[in-house]
N, C-alpha and C. Protein backbone atom coordinates (compact mmCIF):
# COMPACT_ATOMS: atom_id res chain seq x y z
N MET A 1 -86.46 -33.24 -65.74
CA MET A 1 -85.30 -32.74 -66.47
C MET A 1 -84.62 -33.92 -67.17
N PRO A 2 -84.35 -33.81 -68.46
CA PRO A 2 -83.76 -34.92 -69.20
C PRO A 2 -82.27 -35.11 -68.86
N ILE A 3 -81.84 -36.34 -68.99
CA ILE A 3 -80.41 -36.65 -68.84
C ILE A 3 -79.69 -36.02 -70.01
N GLN A 4 -78.55 -35.40 -69.77
CA GLN A 4 -77.82 -34.68 -70.80
C GLN A 4 -76.72 -35.50 -71.46
N ARG A 5 -75.99 -36.33 -70.70
CA ARG A 5 -74.88 -37.10 -71.27
C ARG A 5 -74.32 -38.02 -70.19
N VAL A 6 -73.40 -38.87 -70.59
CA VAL A 6 -72.68 -39.69 -69.61
C VAL A 6 -71.67 -38.78 -68.94
N GLY A 7 -71.62 -38.80 -67.62
CA GLY A 7 -70.73 -37.90 -66.88
C GLY A 7 -69.34 -38.47 -66.65
N HIS A 8 -69.26 -39.75 -66.26
CA HIS A 8 -67.97 -40.39 -66.04
C HIS A 8 -68.19 -41.89 -65.95
N VAL A 9 -67.10 -42.62 -65.97
CA VAL A 9 -67.12 -44.07 -65.86
C VAL A 9 -66.22 -44.45 -64.70
N VAL A 10 -66.66 -45.41 -63.89
CA VAL A 10 -65.84 -45.94 -62.80
C VAL A 10 -65.61 -47.43 -63.08
N ILE A 11 -64.35 -47.81 -63.12
CA ILE A 11 -64.00 -49.22 -63.33
C ILE A 11 -63.21 -49.70 -62.13
N LYS A 12 -62.97 -51.00 -62.07
CA LYS A 12 -62.21 -51.58 -60.97
C LYS A 12 -60.94 -52.22 -61.52
N MET A 13 -59.85 -52.06 -60.77
CA MET A 13 -58.59 -52.72 -61.10
C MET A 13 -57.94 -53.22 -59.81
N ARG A 14 -57.12 -54.23 -59.96
CA ARG A 14 -56.41 -54.78 -58.80
C ARG A 14 -55.21 -53.93 -58.41
N ASP A 15 -54.58 -53.31 -59.39
CA ASP A 15 -53.31 -52.61 -59.17
C ASP A 15 -53.45 -51.13 -59.57
N LEU A 16 -53.53 -50.25 -58.58
CA LEU A 16 -53.67 -48.82 -58.87
C LEU A 16 -52.41 -48.23 -59.48
N GLY A 17 -51.25 -48.81 -59.19
CA GLY A 17 -50.01 -48.35 -59.82
C GLY A 17 -50.04 -48.56 -61.32
N LYS A 18 -50.51 -49.72 -61.75
CA LYS A 18 -50.65 -50.00 -63.19
C LYS A 18 -51.72 -49.10 -63.80
N ALA A 19 -52.77 -48.82 -63.04
CA ALA A 19 -53.82 -47.92 -63.52
C ALA A 19 -53.21 -46.54 -63.80
N LYS A 20 -52.42 -46.07 -62.86
CA LYS A 20 -51.80 -44.75 -63.02
C LYS A 20 -50.85 -44.73 -64.23
N GLN A 21 -50.05 -45.78 -64.39
CA GLN A 21 -49.13 -45.85 -65.53
C GLN A 21 -49.88 -45.81 -66.85
N PHE A 22 -51.01 -46.49 -66.92
CA PHE A 22 -51.76 -46.55 -68.17
C PHE A 22 -52.57 -45.28 -68.42
N TYR A 23 -53.44 -44.92 -67.47
CA TYR A 23 -54.37 -43.82 -67.71
C TYR A 23 -53.66 -42.47 -67.72
N GLN A 24 -52.63 -42.30 -66.90
CA GLN A 24 -51.86 -41.07 -66.92
C GLN A 24 -50.74 -41.15 -67.95
N GLY A 25 -49.98 -42.23 -67.92
CA GLY A 25 -48.81 -42.35 -68.78
C GLY A 25 -49.11 -42.57 -70.24
N VAL A 26 -49.99 -43.52 -70.55
CA VAL A 26 -50.29 -43.84 -71.95
C VAL A 26 -51.37 -42.93 -72.52
N LEU A 27 -52.47 -42.77 -71.78
CA LEU A 27 -53.57 -41.96 -72.30
C LEU A 27 -53.38 -40.46 -72.06
N GLY A 28 -52.47 -40.09 -71.17
CA GLY A 28 -52.19 -38.67 -70.93
C GLY A 28 -53.21 -37.97 -70.04
N MET A 29 -53.96 -38.72 -69.25
CA MET A 29 -54.96 -38.11 -68.37
C MET A 29 -54.27 -37.47 -67.17
N LYS A 30 -54.92 -36.46 -66.62
CA LYS A 30 -54.45 -35.80 -65.40
C LYS A 30 -55.09 -36.49 -64.20
N ILE A 31 -54.42 -36.46 -63.07
CA ILE A 31 -55.00 -37.00 -61.85
C ILE A 31 -55.72 -35.86 -61.14
N ALA A 32 -57.02 -36.02 -60.95
CA ALA A 32 -57.82 -35.01 -60.26
C ALA A 32 -57.75 -35.21 -58.76
N GLU A 33 -57.87 -36.46 -58.31
CA GLU A 33 -57.82 -36.82 -56.90
C GLU A 33 -57.27 -38.23 -56.80
N GLU A 34 -56.61 -38.49 -55.69
CA GLU A 34 -56.08 -39.83 -55.44
C GLU A 34 -56.36 -40.18 -53.99
N ALA A 35 -56.82 -41.41 -53.78
CA ALA A 35 -57.13 -41.88 -52.43
C ALA A 35 -56.70 -43.35 -52.34
N PRO A 36 -56.62 -43.89 -51.15
CA PRO A 36 -56.24 -45.31 -51.03
C PRO A 36 -57.18 -46.26 -51.79
N PHE A 37 -58.45 -45.88 -51.95
CA PHE A 37 -59.42 -46.75 -52.62
C PHE A 37 -59.49 -46.52 -54.13
N GLY A 38 -58.86 -45.43 -54.64
CA GLY A 38 -58.96 -45.21 -56.07
C GLY A 38 -58.33 -43.93 -56.56
N ILE A 39 -58.33 -43.78 -57.88
CA ILE A 39 -57.77 -42.61 -58.55
C ILE A 39 -58.83 -42.04 -59.50
N PHE A 40 -58.97 -40.73 -59.48
CA PHE A 40 -59.92 -40.03 -60.34
C PHE A 40 -59.11 -39.30 -61.43
N PHE A 41 -59.33 -39.71 -62.68
CA PHE A 41 -58.59 -39.16 -63.82
C PHE A 41 -59.49 -38.21 -64.62
N ARG A 42 -58.87 -37.24 -65.26
CA ARG A 42 -59.61 -36.33 -66.14
C ARG A 42 -58.73 -35.96 -67.34
N PHE A 43 -59.40 -35.53 -68.42
CA PHE A 43 -58.67 -35.07 -69.60
C PHE A 43 -58.44 -33.57 -69.55
N ASN A 44 -59.45 -32.82 -69.22
CA ASN A 44 -59.34 -31.37 -69.23
C ASN A 44 -59.67 -30.84 -67.84
N ASP A 45 -60.64 -29.97 -67.74
CA ASP A 45 -60.95 -29.35 -66.46
C ASP A 45 -62.22 -29.89 -65.80
N TYR A 46 -62.78 -30.97 -66.34
CA TYR A 46 -63.93 -31.60 -65.71
C TYR A 46 -63.45 -32.32 -64.45
N HIS A 47 -64.30 -32.46 -63.44
CA HIS A 47 -63.83 -33.05 -62.17
C HIS A 47 -63.22 -34.43 -62.37
N HIS A 48 -63.87 -35.32 -63.13
CA HIS A 48 -63.23 -36.57 -63.54
C HIS A 48 -64.01 -37.22 -64.67
N ASP A 49 -63.28 -37.89 -65.54
CA ASP A 49 -63.89 -38.59 -66.66
C ASP A 49 -63.90 -40.10 -66.42
N ILE A 50 -62.81 -40.60 -65.85
CA ILE A 50 -62.69 -42.02 -65.52
C ILE A 50 -62.13 -42.12 -64.11
N ALA A 51 -62.74 -42.96 -63.29
CA ALA A 51 -62.20 -43.27 -61.98
C ALA A 51 -61.86 -44.75 -61.95
N VAL A 52 -60.80 -45.08 -61.26
CA VAL A 52 -60.41 -46.48 -61.09
C VAL A 52 -60.40 -46.77 -59.60
N PHE A 53 -61.24 -47.71 -59.19
CA PHE A 53 -61.30 -48.11 -57.78
C PHE A 53 -60.56 -49.42 -57.60
N LYS A 54 -59.90 -49.55 -56.48
CA LYS A 54 -59.13 -50.74 -56.17
C LYS A 54 -60.06 -51.88 -55.77
N THR A 55 -59.76 -53.04 -56.30
CA THR A 55 -60.45 -54.26 -55.91
C THR A 55 -59.41 -55.22 -55.34
N SER A 56 -59.82 -56.37 -54.89
CA SER A 56 -58.88 -57.30 -54.26
C SER A 56 -57.86 -57.84 -55.26
N GLU A 57 -56.72 -58.25 -54.75
CA GLU A 57 -55.63 -58.77 -55.59
C GLU A 57 -56.03 -60.03 -56.35
N ASP A 58 -56.98 -60.79 -55.82
CA ASP A 58 -57.38 -62.03 -56.47
C ASP A 58 -58.69 -61.91 -57.25
N ALA A 59 -59.15 -60.68 -57.48
CA ALA A 59 -60.38 -60.48 -58.26
C ALA A 59 -60.18 -60.98 -59.68
N ASP A 60 -61.24 -61.50 -60.28
CA ASP A 60 -61.18 -61.97 -61.66
C ASP A 60 -60.94 -60.81 -62.61
N LEU A 61 -60.17 -61.06 -63.65
CA LEU A 61 -59.97 -60.07 -64.71
C LEU A 61 -61.19 -60.10 -65.63
N PRO A 62 -61.41 -59.03 -66.40
CA PRO A 62 -62.54 -59.02 -67.34
C PRO A 62 -62.44 -60.19 -68.33
N LYS A 63 -63.59 -60.75 -68.67
CA LYS A 63 -63.66 -61.85 -69.63
C LYS A 63 -64.57 -61.44 -70.77
N LYS A 64 -64.31 -62.00 -71.95
CA LYS A 64 -65.12 -61.67 -73.12
C LYS A 64 -66.58 -62.11 -72.94
N ASP A 65 -66.78 -63.29 -72.35
CA ASP A 65 -68.13 -63.84 -72.23
C ASP A 65 -68.64 -63.68 -70.80
N GLN A 66 -68.93 -62.44 -70.43
CA GLN A 66 -69.53 -62.18 -69.12
C GLN A 66 -70.38 -60.93 -69.23
N VAL A 67 -71.30 -60.79 -68.32
CA VAL A 67 -72.13 -59.60 -68.27
C VAL A 67 -71.27 -58.44 -67.79
N GLY A 68 -71.48 -57.25 -68.36
CA GLY A 68 -70.73 -56.08 -67.92
C GLY A 68 -70.31 -55.20 -69.07
N LEU A 69 -69.35 -54.39 -68.80
CA LEU A 69 -68.85 -53.39 -69.74
C LEU A 69 -68.10 -54.05 -70.91
N VAL A 70 -68.35 -53.59 -72.13
CA VAL A 70 -67.60 -54.05 -73.30
C VAL A 70 -66.35 -53.17 -73.48
N HIS A 71 -66.57 -51.86 -73.55
CA HIS A 71 -65.43 -50.94 -73.62
C HIS A 71 -65.84 -49.54 -73.22
N ILE A 72 -64.84 -48.71 -72.99
CA ILE A 72 -65.02 -47.28 -72.75
C ILE A 72 -64.55 -46.59 -74.01
N ALA A 73 -65.37 -45.71 -74.58
CA ALA A 73 -65.02 -45.02 -75.82
C ALA A 73 -64.59 -43.58 -75.53
N LEU A 74 -63.42 -43.22 -76.03
CA LEU A 74 -62.84 -41.89 -75.85
C LEU A 74 -62.77 -41.19 -77.20
N VAL A 75 -63.23 -39.96 -77.27
CA VAL A 75 -63.28 -39.20 -78.52
C VAL A 75 -61.99 -38.41 -78.71
N ALA A 76 -61.33 -38.63 -79.83
CA ALA A 76 -60.13 -37.87 -80.19
C ALA A 76 -60.52 -36.77 -81.18
N ASP A 77 -59.64 -35.80 -81.33
CA ASP A 77 -59.95 -34.67 -82.21
C ASP A 77 -59.71 -34.94 -83.69
N SER A 78 -58.99 -36.02 -84.02
CA SER A 78 -58.69 -36.30 -85.42
C SER A 78 -58.19 -37.73 -85.58
N VAL A 79 -58.20 -38.20 -86.81
CA VAL A 79 -57.64 -39.52 -87.12
C VAL A 79 -56.14 -39.53 -86.82
N GLU A 80 -55.48 -38.41 -87.04
CA GLU A 80 -54.05 -38.34 -86.74
C GLU A 80 -53.79 -38.56 -85.25
N THR A 81 -54.67 -38.05 -84.41
CA THR A 81 -54.53 -38.27 -82.96
C THR A 81 -54.75 -39.74 -82.62
N VAL A 82 -55.72 -40.38 -83.26
CA VAL A 82 -55.92 -41.82 -83.05
C VAL A 82 -54.65 -42.56 -83.43
N LYS A 83 -54.03 -42.19 -84.54
CA LYS A 83 -52.77 -42.81 -84.97
C LYS A 83 -51.67 -42.57 -83.94
N GLU A 84 -51.61 -41.37 -83.35
CA GLU A 84 -50.61 -41.09 -82.31
C GLU A 84 -50.80 -42.00 -81.11
N TYR A 85 -52.05 -42.24 -80.71
CA TYR A 85 -52.31 -43.16 -79.60
C TYR A 85 -51.95 -44.59 -79.98
N TYR A 86 -52.16 -44.96 -81.22
CA TYR A 86 -51.75 -46.27 -81.71
C TYR A 86 -50.24 -46.43 -81.59
N ASP A 87 -49.50 -45.43 -82.05
CA ASP A 87 -48.04 -45.47 -81.96
C ASP A 87 -47.58 -45.50 -80.51
N ARG A 88 -48.21 -44.71 -79.66
CA ARG A 88 -47.88 -44.66 -78.24
C ARG A 88 -48.15 -46.01 -77.57
N ALA A 89 -49.29 -46.61 -77.90
CA ALA A 89 -49.64 -47.92 -77.34
C ALA A 89 -48.63 -48.99 -77.76
N LYS A 90 -48.28 -48.99 -79.05
CA LYS A 90 -47.28 -49.96 -79.53
C LYS A 90 -45.96 -49.79 -78.79
N ALA A 91 -45.50 -48.55 -78.65
CA ALA A 91 -44.21 -48.28 -77.99
C ALA A 91 -44.23 -48.68 -76.52
N ALA A 92 -45.39 -48.58 -75.88
CA ALA A 92 -45.51 -48.91 -74.46
C ALA A 92 -45.82 -50.38 -74.21
N GLY A 93 -45.98 -51.16 -75.26
CA GLY A 93 -46.29 -52.57 -75.10
C GLY A 93 -47.73 -52.84 -74.69
N VAL A 94 -48.62 -51.88 -74.96
CA VAL A 94 -50.04 -52.02 -74.63
C VAL A 94 -50.68 -53.00 -75.61
N GLU A 95 -51.57 -53.85 -75.12
CA GLU A 95 -52.26 -54.79 -76.00
C GLU A 95 -53.20 -54.04 -76.93
N ILE A 96 -52.99 -54.23 -78.22
CA ILE A 96 -53.84 -53.62 -79.24
C ILE A 96 -54.83 -54.68 -79.71
N VAL A 97 -56.10 -54.42 -79.51
CA VAL A 97 -57.16 -55.36 -79.85
C VAL A 97 -57.45 -55.30 -81.35
N GLY A 98 -57.44 -54.09 -81.91
CA GLY A 98 -57.72 -53.93 -83.33
C GLY A 98 -58.09 -52.50 -83.67
N SER A 99 -58.49 -52.32 -84.92
CA SER A 99 -58.94 -51.01 -85.40
C SER A 99 -60.06 -51.24 -86.41
N SER A 100 -60.98 -50.28 -86.47
CA SER A 100 -62.13 -50.42 -87.37
C SER A 100 -62.56 -49.06 -87.89
N ASP A 101 -63.05 -49.08 -89.12
CA ASP A 101 -63.74 -47.93 -89.70
C ASP A 101 -65.22 -48.25 -89.61
N HIS A 102 -65.92 -47.56 -88.71
CA HIS A 102 -67.34 -47.83 -88.48
C HIS A 102 -68.24 -46.93 -89.34
N GLY A 103 -67.65 -46.22 -90.29
CA GLY A 103 -68.44 -45.28 -91.08
C GLY A 103 -68.50 -43.93 -90.39
N MET A 104 -69.13 -43.89 -89.22
CA MET A 104 -69.25 -42.63 -88.47
C MET A 104 -68.02 -42.35 -87.61
N THR A 105 -67.17 -43.38 -87.36
CA THR A 105 -65.95 -43.21 -86.57
C THR A 105 -64.85 -44.07 -87.15
N LYS A 106 -63.61 -43.68 -86.86
CA LYS A 106 -62.43 -44.49 -87.15
C LYS A 106 -61.79 -44.76 -85.81
N SER A 107 -61.69 -46.05 -85.45
CA SER A 107 -61.44 -46.44 -84.07
C SER A 107 -60.23 -47.34 -83.88
N LEU A 108 -59.59 -47.14 -82.74
CA LEU A 108 -58.52 -48.00 -82.22
C LEU A 108 -59.04 -48.64 -80.95
N TYR A 109 -58.78 -49.92 -80.77
CA TYR A 109 -59.17 -50.64 -79.55
C TYR A 109 -57.92 -51.18 -78.86
N ILE A 110 -57.76 -50.83 -77.58
CA ILE A 110 -56.62 -51.28 -76.79
C ILE A 110 -57.14 -51.78 -75.44
N LYS A 111 -56.25 -52.41 -74.67
CA LYS A 111 -56.64 -52.86 -73.32
C LYS A 111 -55.70 -52.24 -72.30
N ASP A 112 -56.28 -51.90 -71.15
CA ASP A 112 -55.44 -51.45 -70.04
C ASP A 112 -54.74 -52.68 -69.45
N PRO A 113 -53.83 -52.50 -68.48
CA PRO A 113 -53.04 -53.62 -68.00
C PRO A 113 -53.85 -54.78 -67.39
N GLU A 114 -55.09 -54.55 -67.03
CA GLU A 114 -55.89 -55.62 -66.45
C GLU A 114 -57.03 -56.07 -67.35
N GLY A 115 -57.00 -55.63 -68.61
CA GLY A 115 -57.93 -56.16 -69.60
C GLY A 115 -59.18 -55.35 -69.86
N ASN A 116 -59.32 -54.17 -69.26
CA ASN A 116 -60.46 -53.30 -69.59
C ASN A 116 -60.22 -52.71 -70.97
N GLU A 117 -61.19 -52.86 -71.85
CA GLU A 117 -61.01 -52.40 -73.23
C GLU A 117 -61.36 -50.92 -73.38
N ILE A 118 -60.51 -50.22 -74.13
CA ILE A 118 -60.67 -48.80 -74.40
C ILE A 118 -60.74 -48.60 -75.91
N GLU A 119 -61.73 -47.86 -76.36
CA GLU A 119 -61.82 -47.45 -77.77
C GLU A 119 -61.42 -45.99 -77.83
N ILE A 120 -60.52 -45.66 -78.75
CA ILE A 120 -60.15 -44.26 -79.02
C ILE A 120 -60.55 -44.01 -80.47
N TYR A 121 -61.42 -43.02 -80.66
CA TYR A 121 -61.92 -42.83 -82.02
C TYR A 121 -61.99 -41.35 -82.41
N ALA A 122 -61.97 -41.16 -83.73
CA ALA A 122 -62.22 -39.84 -84.33
C ALA A 122 -63.53 -39.96 -85.10
N GLU A 123 -64.36 -38.96 -84.96
CA GLU A 123 -65.63 -38.96 -85.68
C GLU A 123 -65.42 -38.61 -87.15
N VAL A 124 -66.29 -39.12 -88.00
CA VAL A 124 -66.28 -38.84 -89.43
C VAL A 124 -67.53 -37.99 -89.69
N PRO A 125 -67.38 -36.66 -89.66
CA PRO A 125 -68.56 -35.78 -89.72
C PRO A 125 -69.40 -35.92 -90.98
N GLU A 126 -68.80 -36.35 -92.09
CA GLU A 126 -69.58 -36.46 -93.32
C GLU A 126 -70.47 -37.70 -93.35
N PHE A 127 -70.31 -38.62 -92.39
CA PHE A 127 -71.17 -39.80 -92.33
C PHE A 127 -72.48 -39.42 -91.65
N ASN A 128 -73.59 -39.54 -92.36
CA ASN A 128 -74.89 -39.18 -91.82
C ASN A 128 -75.55 -40.43 -91.21
N TYR A 129 -75.39 -40.59 -89.91
CA TYR A 129 -75.92 -41.79 -89.25
C TYR A 129 -77.43 -41.72 -89.06
N PHE A 130 -78.06 -40.59 -89.36
CA PHE A 130 -79.52 -40.53 -89.33
C PHE A 130 -80.10 -41.17 -90.59
N GLU A 131 -79.33 -41.14 -91.68
CA GLU A 131 -79.80 -41.69 -92.95
C GLU A 131 -79.15 -43.01 -93.32
N ASN A 132 -77.98 -43.31 -92.73
CA ASN A 132 -77.24 -44.52 -93.07
C ASN A 132 -77.02 -45.37 -91.82
N SER A 133 -77.16 -46.66 -91.98
CA SER A 133 -76.91 -47.56 -90.85
C SER A 133 -75.41 -47.61 -90.57
N PHE A 134 -75.05 -47.43 -89.32
CA PHE A 134 -73.65 -47.57 -88.95
C PHE A 134 -73.36 -48.98 -88.44
N VAL A 135 -74.40 -49.76 -88.16
CA VAL A 135 -74.19 -51.11 -87.66
C VAL A 135 -73.52 -51.99 -88.70
N GLY A 136 -73.95 -51.89 -89.94
CA GLY A 136 -73.36 -52.71 -90.99
C GLY A 136 -72.25 -52.02 -91.76
N ALA A 137 -71.84 -50.86 -91.32
CA ALA A 137 -70.85 -50.08 -92.08
C ALA A 137 -69.41 -50.40 -91.73
N THR A 138 -69.16 -51.23 -90.74
CA THR A 138 -67.81 -51.48 -90.26
C THR A 138 -66.95 -52.19 -91.30
N LYS A 139 -65.75 -51.67 -91.48
CA LYS A 139 -64.76 -52.27 -92.38
C LYS A 139 -63.38 -52.06 -91.75
N PRO A 140 -62.37 -52.70 -92.29
CA PRO A 140 -61.02 -52.55 -91.71
C PRO A 140 -60.52 -51.10 -91.77
N PHE A 141 -59.70 -50.76 -90.81
CA PHE A 141 -59.08 -49.43 -90.74
C PHE A 141 -57.59 -49.63 -90.48
N ASP A 142 -56.77 -49.30 -91.46
CA ASP A 142 -55.32 -49.50 -91.37
C ASP A 142 -54.65 -48.28 -90.76
N LEU A 143 -54.37 -48.36 -89.47
CA LEU A 143 -53.73 -47.22 -88.78
C LEU A 143 -52.31 -47.01 -89.25
N GLU A 144 -51.65 -48.03 -89.74
CA GLU A 144 -50.29 -47.88 -90.25
C GLU A 144 -50.27 -46.96 -91.48
N ALA A 145 -51.38 -46.88 -92.19
CA ALA A 145 -51.45 -46.06 -93.41
C ALA A 145 -51.78 -44.60 -93.14
N VAL A 146 -52.15 -44.28 -91.90
CA VAL A 146 -52.51 -42.89 -91.57
C VAL A 146 -51.26 -42.04 -91.53
N THR A 147 -51.31 -40.92 -92.24
CA THR A 147 -50.20 -39.97 -92.24
C THR A 147 -50.68 -38.61 -91.76
N ALA A 148 -49.78 -37.73 -91.46
CA ALA A 148 -50.14 -36.38 -91.02
C ALA A 148 -51.00 -35.72 -92.08
N GLY A 149 -52.08 -35.09 -91.64
CA GLY A 149 -52.98 -34.39 -92.56
C GLY A 149 -53.95 -35.32 -93.26
N ALA A 150 -54.05 -36.58 -92.73
CA ALA A 150 -54.94 -37.56 -93.39
C ALA A 150 -56.32 -37.07 -93.26
């Protein structure tokens, strides 16, 4: 039987309180289950999309030059929603890494309180990635210029 999709992602953080503030407060995720070792978050009615497990207080934070996860990508329903998350992140003092137009997606990159990178993107359905390379298609994406109905 073939694999159908990615089911969920589990990351580690030192502070579950900060995890809750970010994933529930900033991203708007619901808490599916909570235990002393971690929190299971979901967007809709799936059992969980992202889980955060507690690690030691002195664990190293993510570094750019290390083996492991680069980012977790979350699909938004529109560019306007990506802009709303940009505004929400700015208001909450969340670190904004940048934004990009990848041709097939328009993306915002932010970091959670311990440095795990999150991409929030809207798909661009008219971009045919079967016929066009998306690797070389990246260009700047000005989220400040996005308006309602963009």
